[in-house]
Amino acid sequence: MRERPTHSARDFMATTVEATTTNQRAQQPVTPSSWLREPKRQAAAGAIAAAVIALGVWFVVTSGRRKEEFASRVLSQALATADKGNLPQASSELQRVIQTYAGTDAASEAVLSLNQIRMASGQSELAAVNLREFVGKNPSPKFVAQAYALLGSADENTKKYEDAGRAYEHAAATAELAYIKAGYLLDAGRAYRLAGKSQDAIRVYRTVVEKYAGSPSVAEAQVRLSELTAGTI
């Protein structure tokens, strides 16, 4: 006849089962979702994420500053080369700034300087093409007026006078200072006269006289208006 387990044996079996169950629970892997369900761990995860984002922002800002600094150094070297009269070498260095440091202020300045050299070297047509591409990419506002003014000069050099007039008007519209605006409008008036667009020339000269009365350009605008209107202004 089989003996029944004693009380101590039953206790031992129960303890063994409980220990086994506890051990199995301890060995179960903790998944990310279960780990994040706990409030303290959620807060820790949020702090880590914020730290990672802050580090990323710092890295981007620092990298941008270093890139601008390097670009400015190379630009200064290129301009110094141009001042020495070595325009081919200066052009090569300016193209390096444009290609290597795209998106920096130095690269935008390099575009303007490069096209000034091109116009001085008799390459106004190439300069006009490049400047149109530049303004079409919506550069920083501080470079727009000068770019349009250079474009006007390039178009004028290639006898595209009406296009030049429009470019000078864009330059006037985007310039910040009143006397510079008036000066660009005088350039536009000259280009329109050369294009045979007398009415457009009269319009911009009148704008100078009426809107920029304190500008040094007013006297010339009045003379040109008198010539175009037979003294009827």
C-alpha atoms as a PDB file:
ATOM      1  CA  MET A   1       0.000   0.000   0.000  1.00  0.00           C
ATOM      2  CA  ARG A   2       1.456   3.434  -1.211  1.00  0.00           C
ATOM      3  CA  GLU A   3       2.265   5.917   1.498  1.00  0.00           C
ATOM      4  CA  ARG A   4       0.837   9.432   1.321  1.00  0.00           C
ATOM      5  CA  PRO A   5       3.316  12.257   1.229  1.00  0.00           C
ATOM      6  CA  THR A   6       3.913  13.748   4.592  1.00  0.00           C
ATOM      7  CA  HIS A   7       3.199  17.394   5.369  1.00  0.00           C
ATOM      8  CA  SER A   8       6.860  18.291   5.080  1.00  0.00           C
ATOM      9  CA  ALA A   9       7.050  16.684   1.661  1.00  0.00           C
ATOM     10  CA  ARG A  10       4.049  18.694   0.435  1.00  0.00           C
ATOM     11  CA  ASP A  11       5.705  21.888   1.719  1.00  0.00           C
ATOM     12  CA  PHE A  12       8.914  21.031  -0.084  1.00  0.00           C
ATOM     13  CA  MET A  13       7.034  20.465  -3.344  1.00  0.00           C
ATOM     14  CA  ALA A  14       5.123  23.737  -3.020  1.00  0.00           C
ATOM     15  CA  THR A  15       8.328  25.653  -2.303  1.00  0.00           C
ATOM     16  CA  THR A  16      10.009  24.035  -5.279  1.00  0.00           C
ATOM     17  CA  VAL A  17       7.130  24.969  -7.623  1.00  0.00           C
ATOM     18  CA  GLU A  18       7.106  28.575  -6.360  1.00  0.00           C
ATOM     19  CA  ALA A  19      10.852  28.927  -6.749  1.00  0.00           C
ATOM     20  CA  THR A  20      10.686  27.507 -10.246  1.00  0.00           C
ATOM     21  CA  THR A  21       7.914  29.926 -11.213  1.00  0.00           C
ATOM     22  CA  THR A  22       9.808  32.902  -9.767  1.00  0.00           C
ATOM     23  CA  ASN A  23      12.957  31.866 -11.583  1.00  0.00           C
ATOM     24  CA  GLN A  24      11.039  31.601 -14.855  1.00  0.00           C
ATOM     25  CA  ARG A  25       9.608  35.092 -14.382  1.00  0.00           C
ATOM     26  CA  ALA A  26      13.056  36.481 -13.673  1.00  0.00           C
ATOM     27  CA  GLN A  27      14.364  34.898 -16.844  1.00  0.00           C
ATOM     28  CA  GLN A  28      11.633  36.389 -19.040  1.00  0.00           C
ATOM     29  CA  PRO A  29      13.120  39.158 -21.291  1.00  0.00           C
ATOM     30  CA  VAL A  30      12.071  42.757 -20.615  1.00  0.00           C
ATOM     31  CA  THR A  31      10.758  44.249 -23.870  1.00  0.00           C
ATOM     32  CA  PRO A  32      11.138  47.990 -24.660  1.00  0.00           C
ATOM     33  CA  SER A  33       7.384  48.480 -24.501  1.00  0.00           C
ATOM     34  CA  SER A  34       7.132  46.898 -21.063  1.00  0.00           C
ATOM     35  CA  TRP A  35      10.149  48.872 -19.849  1.00  0.00           C
ATOM     36  CA  LEU A  36       8.617  52.151 -21.017  1.00  0.00           C
ATOM     37  CA  ARG A  37       5.318  51.505 -19.273  1.00  0.00           C
ATOM     38  CA  GLU A  38       6.799  52.477 -15.929  1.00  0.00           C
ATOM     39  CA  PRO A  39       6.498  56.243 -15.212  1.00  0.00           C
ATOM     40  CA  LYS A  40      10.056  56.638 -13.905  1.00  0.00           C
ATOM     41  CA  ARG A  41      11.465  54.923 -16.919  1.00  0.00           C
ATOM     42  CA  GLN A  42       9.277  57.018 -19.225  1.00  0.00           C
ATOM     43  CA  ALA A  43      10.756  60.153 -17.682  1.00  0.00           C
ATOM     44  CA  ALA A  44      14.264  58.780 -18.104  1.00  0.00           C
ATOM     45  CA  ALA A  45      13.583  57.942 -21.735  1.00  0.00           C
ATOM     46  CA  GLY A  46      12.260  61.457 -22.334  1.00  0.00           C
ATOM     47  CA  ALA A  47      15.359  62.999 -20.769  1.00  0.00           C
ATOM     48  CA  ILE A  48      17.620  60.848 -22.922  1.00  0.00           C
ATOM     49  CA  ALA A  49      15.706  61.789 -26.071  1.00  0.00           C
ATOM     50  CA  ALA A  50      15.916  65.492 -25.201  1.00  0.00           C
ATOM     51  CA  ALA A  51      19.639  65.188 -24.596  1.00  0.00           C
ATOM     52  CA  VAL A  52      20.155  63.456 -27.947  1.00  0.00           C
ATOM     53  CA  ILE A  53      18.176  66.181 -29.761  1.00  0.00           C
ATOM     54  CA  ALA A  54      20.111  68.954 -27.988  1.00  0.00           C
ATOM     55  CA  LEU A  55      23.386  67.282 -28.903  1.00  0.00           C
ATOM     56  CA  GLY A  56      22.270  67.034 -32.529  1.00  0.00           C
ATOM     57  CA  VAL A  57      21.319  70.722 -32.642  1.00  0.00           C
ATOM     58  CA  TRP A  58      24.626  71.717 -31.071  1.00  0.00           C
ATOM     59  CA  PHE A  59      26.527  69.621 -33.591  1.00  0.00           C
ATOM     60  CA  VAL A  60      24.656  71.146 -36.559  1.00  0.00           C
ATOM     61  CA  VAL A  61      25.153  74.723 -35.316  1.00  0.00           C
ATOM     62  CA  THR A  62      28.828  74.164 -34.539  1.00  0.00           C
ATOM     63  CA  SER A  63      29.446  72.479 -37.886  1.00  0.00           C
ATOM     64  CA  GLY A  64      27.700  75.351 -39.686  1.00  0.00           C
ATOM     65  CA  ARG A  65      29.873  77.933 -37.930  1.00  0.00           C
ATOM     66  CA  ARG A  66      33.063  76.061 -38.708  1.00  0.00           C
ATOM     67  CA  LYS A  67      32.026  75.676 -42.346  1.00  0.00           C
ATOM     68  CA  GLU A  68      31.350  79.424 -42.604  1.00  0.00           C
ATOM     69  CA  GLU A  69      34.701  80.237 -41.008  1.00  0.00           C
ATOM     70  CA  PHE A  70      36.614  77.977 -43.393  1.00  0.00           C
ATOM     71  CA  ALA A  71      34.690  79.393 -46.362  1.00  0.00           C
ATOM     72  CA  SER A  72      35.458  82.969 -45.302  1.00  0.00           C
ATOM     73  CA  ARG A  73      39.175  82.200 -45.139  1.00  0.00           C
ATOM     74  CA  VAL A  74      39.236  80.692 -48.622  1.00  0.00           C
ATOM     75  CA  LEU A  75      37.150  83.610 -49.956  1.00  0.00           C
ATOM     76  CA  SER A  76      39.586  86.127 -48.478  1.00  0.00           C
ATOM     77  CA  GLN A  77      42.470  84.327 -50.156  1.00  0.00           C
ATOM     78  CA  ALA A  78      40.647  84.376 -53.503  1.00  0.00           C
ATOM     79  CA  LEU A  79      39.898  88.107 -53.260  1.00  0.00           C
ATOM     80  CA  ALA A  80      43.513  88.798 -52.333  1.00  0.00           C
ATOM     81  CA  THR A  81      44.589  86.893 -55.438  1.00  0.00           C
ATOM     82  CA  ALA A  82      42.212  89.011 -57.549  1.00  0.00           C
ATOM     83  CA  ASP A  83      43.636  92.207 -56.041  1.00  0.00           C
ATOM     84  CA  LYS A  84      47.084  91.103 -57.213  1.00  0.00           C
ATOM     85  CA  GLY A  85      45.745  90.919 -60.761  1.00  0.00           C
ATOM     86  CA  ASN A  86      45.787  87.135 -61.108  1.00  0.00           C
ATOM     87  CA  LEU A  87      42.168  86.835 -62.266  1.00  0.00           C
ATOM     88  CA  PRO A  88      42.340  83.269 -63.648  1.00  0.00           C
ATOM     89  CA  GLN A  89      43.688  81.944 -60.336  1.00  0.00           C
ATOM     90  CA  ALA A  90      41.174  84.043 -58.399  1.00  0.00           C
ATOM     91  CA  SER A  91      38.341  82.634 -60.517  1.00  0.00           C
ATOM     92  CA  SER A  92      39.489  79.091 -59.762  1.00  0.00           C
ATOM     93  CA  GLU A  93      39.624  79.802 -56.024  1.00  0.00           C
ATOM     94  CA  LEU A  94      36.196  81.440 -56.050  1.00  0.00           C
ATOM     95  CA  GLN A  95      34.713  78.426 -57.827  1.00  0.00           C
ATOM     96  CA  ARG A  96      36.206  76.248 -55.112  1.00  0.00           C
ATOM     97  CA  VAL A  97      34.406  78.315 -52.449  1.00  0.00           C
ATOM     98  CA  ILE A  98      31.119  78.031 -54.356  1.00  0.00           C
ATOM     99  CA  GLN A  99      31.364  74.270 -54.823  1.00  0.00           C
ATOM    100  CA  THR A 100      32.884  73.257 -51.485  1.00  0.00           C
ATOM    101  CA  TYR A 101      31.005  75.611 -49.182  1.00  0.00           C
ATOM    102  CA  ALA A 102      27.593  75.817 -50.840  1.00  0.00           C
ATOM    103  CA  GLY A 103      24.950  77.389 -48.614  1.00  0.00           C
ATOM    104  CA  THR A 104      27.313  79.742 -46.788  1.00  0.00           C
ATOM    105  CA  ASP A 105      27.382  83.529 -47.055  1.00  0.00           C
ATOM    106  CA  ALA A 106      30.937  83.240 -48.331  1.00  0.00           C
ATOM    107  CA  ALA A 107      29.748  81.080 -51.234  1.00  0.00           C
ATOM    108  CA  SER A 108      27.149  83.708 -52.177  1.00  0.00           C
ATOM    109  CA  GLU A 109      29.785  86.435 -52.052  1.00  0.00           C
ATOM    110  CA  ALA A 110      32.004  84.246 -54.208  1.00  0.00           C
ATOM    111  CA  VAL A 111      29.266  84.011 -56.854  1.00  0.00           C
ATOM    112  CA  LEU A 112      29.049  87.797 -57.053  1.00  0.00           C
ATOM    113  CA  SER A 113      32.821  88.276 -57.123  1.00  0.00           C
ATOM    114  CA  LEU A 114      33.325  85.562 -59.733  1.00  0.00           C
ATOM    115  CA  ASN A 115      30.820  87.176 -62.071  1.00  0.00           C
ATOM    116  CA  GLN A 116      32.388  90.597 -61.605  1.00  0.00           C
ATOM    117  CA  ILE A 117      35.673  89.047 -62.769  1.00  0.00           C
ATOM    118  CA  ARG A 118      33.889  87.434 -65.722  1.00  0.00           C
ATOM    119  CA  MET A 119      32.451  90.783 -66.815  1.00  0.00           C
ATOM    120  CA  ALA A 120      35.853  92.429 -66.464  1.00  0.00           C
ATOM    121  CA  SER A 121      37.266  89.621 -68.623  1.00  0.00           C
ATOM    122  CA  GLY A 122      34.687  90.103 -71.386  1.00  0.00           C
ATOM    123  CA  GLN A 123      32.476  87.189 -70.322  1.00  0.00           C
ATOM    124  CA  SER A 124      29.318  89.166 -69.615  1.00  0.00           C
ATOM    125  CA  GLU A 125      27.083  86.628 -71.312  1.00  0.00           C
ATOM    126  CA  LEU A 126      28.337  83.826 -69.051  1.00  0.00           C
ATOM    127  CA  ALA A 127      27.984  86.124 -66.052  1.00  0.00           C
ATOM    128  CA  ALA A 128      24.364  86.915 -66.943  1.00  0.00           C
ATOM    129  CA  VAL A 129      23.494  83.210 -67.186  1.00  0.00           C
ATOM    130  CA  ASN A 130      25.114  82.447 -63.836  1.00  0.00           C
ATOM    131  CA  LEU A 131      23.555  85.427 -62.072  1.00  0.00           C
ATOM    132  CA  ARG A 132      20.074  84.488 -63.313  1.00  0.00           C
ATOM    133  CA  GLU A 133      20.593  81.017 -61.880  1.00  0.00           C
ATOM    134  CA  PHE A 134      21.762  82.545 -58.605  1.00  0.00           C
ATOM    135  CA  VAL A 135      18.767  84.853 -58.077  1.00  0.00           C
ATOM    136  CA  GLY A 136      16.458  82.022 -59.165  1.00  0.00           C
ATOM    137  CA  LYS A 137      17.592  79.974 -56.161  1.00  0.00           C
ATOM    138  CA  ASN A 138      16.280  82.574 -53.659  1.00  0.00           C
ATOM    139  CA  PRO A 139      19.570  83.506 -51.996  1.00  0.00           C
ATOM    140  CA  SER A 140      19.778  85.405 -48.732  1.00  0.00           C
ATOM    141  CA  PRO A 141      18.077  88.831 -49.092  1.00  0.00           C
ATOM    142  CA  LYS A 142      21.332  90.651 -48.360  1.00  0.00           C
ATOM    143  CA  PHE A 143      22.781  89.427 -51.665  1.00  0.00           C
ATOM    144  CA  VAL A 144      19.744  89.875 -53.917  1.00  0.00           C
ATOM    145  CA  ALA A 145      20.007  93.581 -54.766  1.00  0.00           C
ATOM    146  CA  GLN A 146      23.679  93.375 -55.682  1.00  0.00           C
ATOM    147  CA  ALA A 147      23.065  90.238 -57.755  1.00  0.00           C
ATOM    148  CA  TYR A 148      20.317  91.954 -59.762  1.00  0.00           C
ATOM    149  CA  ALA A 149      22.496  95.051 -60.224  1.00  0.00           C
ATOM    150  CA  LEU A 150      25.321  92.890 -61.599  1.00  0.00           C
ATOM    151  CA  LEU A 151      22.820  91.092 -63.814  1.00  0.00           C
ATOM    152  CA  GLY A 152      21.682  94.471 -65.151  1.00  0.00           C
ATOM    153  CA  SER A 153      25.283  95.370 -65.948  1.00  0.00           C
ATOM    154  CA  ALA A 154      25.878  92.025 -67.664  1.00  0.00           C
ATOM    155  CA  ASP A 155      22.728  92.417 -69.781  1.00  0.00           C
ATOM    156  CA  GLU A 156      23.675  95.988 -70.627  1.00  0.00           C
ATOM    157  CA  ASN A 157      27.138  94.865 -71.722  1.00  0.00           C
ATOM    158  CA  THR A 158      25.553  92.347 -74.097  1.00  0.00           C
ATOM    159  CA  LYS A 159      23.116  94.985 -75.406  1.00  0.00           C
ATOM    160  CA  LYS A 160      20.059  93.344 -73.853  1.00  0.00           C
ATOM    161  CA  TYR A 161      18.915  96.722 -72.675  1.00  0.00           C
ATOM    162  CA  GLU A 162      15.297  95.970 -71.810  1.00  0.00           C
ATOM    163  CA  ASP A 163      16.347  92.973 -69.734  1.00  0.00           C
ATOM    164  CA  ALA A 164      18.927  95.179 -68.073  1.00  0.00           C
ATOM    165  CA  GLY A 165      16.260  97.761 -67.194  1.00  0.00           C
ATOM    166  CA  ARG A 166      14.123  95.108 -65.521  1.00  0.00           C
ATOM    167  CA  ALA A 167      17.117  93.731 -63.600  1.00  0.00           C
ATOM    168  CA  TYR A 168      18.005  97.206 -62.316  1.00  0.00           C
ATOM    169  CA  GLU A 169      14.408  97.722 -61.201  1.00  0.00           C
ATOM    170  CA  HIS A 170      14.569  94.434 -59.268  1.00  0.00           C
ATOM    171  CA  ALA A 171      17.780  95.684 -57.682  1.00  0.00           C
ATOM    172  CA  ALA A 172      16.055  98.917 -56.643  1.00  0.00           C
ATOM    173  CA  ALA A 173      13.078  97.026 -55.233  1.00  0.00           C
ATOM    174  CA  THR A 174      15.266  94.774 -53.062  1.00  0.00           C
ATOM    175  CA  ALA A 175      17.868  97.334 -51.928  1.00  0.00           C
ATOM    176  CA  GLU A 176      17.527  98.641 -48.384  1.00  0.00           C
ATOM    177  CA  LEU A 177      18.832 102.220 -48.534  1.00  0.00           C
ATOM    178  CA  ALA A 178      16.919 104.962 -50.346  1.00  0.00           C
ATOM    179  CA  TYR A 179      19.906 106.497 -52.131  1.00  0.00           C
ATOM    180  CA  ILE A 180      20.930 103.067 -53.455  1.00  0.00           C
ATOM    181  CA  LYS A 181      17.387 102.425 -54.690  1.00  0.00           C
ATOM    182  CA  ALA A 182      17.440 105.761 -56.513  1.00  0.00           C
ATOM    183  CA  GLY A 183      20.799 104.976 -58.076  1.00  0.00           C
ATOM    184  CA  TYR A 184      19.573 101.648 -59.419  1.00  0.00           C
ATOM    185  CA  LEU A 185      16.508 103.377 -60.871  1.00  0.00           C
ATOM    186  CA  LEU A 186      18.791 105.801 -62.719  1.00  0.00           C
ATOM    187  CA  ASP A 187      20.550 102.737 -64.166  1.00  0.00           C
ATOM    188  CA  ALA A 188      17.172 101.313 -65.167  1.00  0.00           C
ATOM    189  CA  GLY A 189      16.234 104.588 -66.863  1.00  0.00           C
ATOM    190  CA  ARG A 190      19.460 104.563 -68.858  1.00  0.00           C
ATOM    191  CA  ALA A 191      18.898 100.966 -69.963  1.00  0.00           C
ATOM    192  CA  TYR A 192      15.301 101.666 -70.986  1.00  0.00           C
ATOM    193  CA  ARG A 193      16.420 104.683 -73.029  1.00  0.00           C
ATOM    194  CA  LEU A 194      18.955 102.515 -74.841  1.00  0.00           C
ATOM    195  CA  ALA A 195      16.224  99.951 -75.469  1.00  0.00           C
ATOM    196  CA  GLY A 196      13.990 102.641 -76.976  1.00  0.00           C
ATOM    197  CA  LYS A 197      11.509 102.268 -74.097  1.00  0.00           C
ATOM    198  CA  SER A 198      10.959 105.964 -73.426  1.00  0.00           C
ATOM    199  CA  GLN A 199       7.817 105.524 -71.363  1.00  0.00           C
ATOM    200  CA  ASP A 200       9.532 103.080 -69.019  1.00  0.00           C
ATOM    201  CA  ALA A 201      12.472 105.464 -68.707  1.00  0.00           C
ATOM    202  CA  ILE A 202      10.118 108.359 -67.880  1.00  0.00           C
ATOM    203  CA  ARG A 203       8.352 106.200 -65.304  1.00  0.00           C
ATOM    204  CA  VAL A 204      11.489 105.288 -63.363  1.00  0.00           C
ATOM    205  CA  TYR A 205      12.936 108.820 -63.549  1.00  0.00           C
ATOM    206  CA  ARG A 206       9.701 110.216 -62.158  1.00  0.00           C
ATOM    207  CA  THR A 207       9.858 107.670 -59.360  1.00  0.00           C
ATOM    208  CA  VAL A 208      13.293 108.976 -58.413  1.00  0.00           C
ATOM    209  CA  VAL A 209      12.098 112.595 -58.396  1.00  0.00           C
ATOM    210  CA  GLU A 210       8.850 111.954 -56.514  1.00  0.00           C
ATOM    211  CA  LYS A 211       9.854 109.198 -54.098  1.00  0.00           C
ATOM    212  CA  TYR A 212      13.508 109.920 -53.371  1.00  0.00           C
ATOM    213  CA  ALA A 213      13.553 113.716 -53.268  1.00  0.00           C
ATOM    214  CA  GLY A 214      16.523 113.843 -50.913  1.00  0.00           C
ATOM    215  CA  SER A 215      18.680 111.555 -53.029  1.00  0.00           C
ATOM    216  CA  PRO A 216      21.741 112.768 -54.976  1.00  0.00           C
ATOM    217  CA  SER A 217      20.218 111.025 -58.009  1.00  0.00           C
ATOM    218  CA  VAL A 218      17.337 113.496 -58.257  1.00  0.00           C
ATOM    219  CA  ALA A 219      19.247 116.123 -60.232  1.00  0.00           C
ATOM    220  CA  GLU A 220      20.200 113.672 -62.971  1.00  0.00           C
ATOM    221  CA  ALA A 221      16.686 112.203 -63.044  1.00  0.00           C
ATOM    222  CA  GLN A 222      15.260 115.688 -63.607  1.00  0.00           C
ATOM    223  CA  VAL A 223      17.679 116.337 -66.484  1.00  0.00           C
ATOM    224  CA  ARG A 224      16.800 113.045 -68.152  1.00  0.00           C
ATOM    225  CA  LEU A 225      13.106 113.669 -67.696  1.00  0.00           C
ATOM    226  CA  SER A 226      13.463 117.090 -69.295  1.00  0.00           C
ATOM    227  CA  GLU A 227      15.225 115.518 -72.269  1.00  0.00           C
ATOM    228  CA  LEU A 228      12.569 112.816 -72.696  1.00  0.00           C
ATOM    229  CA  THR A 229       9.566 115.108 -72.250  1.00  0.00           C
ATOM    230  CA  ALA A 230      10.908 118.216 -74.010  1.00  0.00           C
ATOM    231  CA  GLY A 231      10.879 120.126 -70.746  1.00  0.00           C
ATOM    232  CA  THR A 232       7.231 119.456 -69.942  1.00  0.00           C
ATOM    233  CA  ILE A 233       7.785 117.795 -66.542  1.00  0.00           C
END
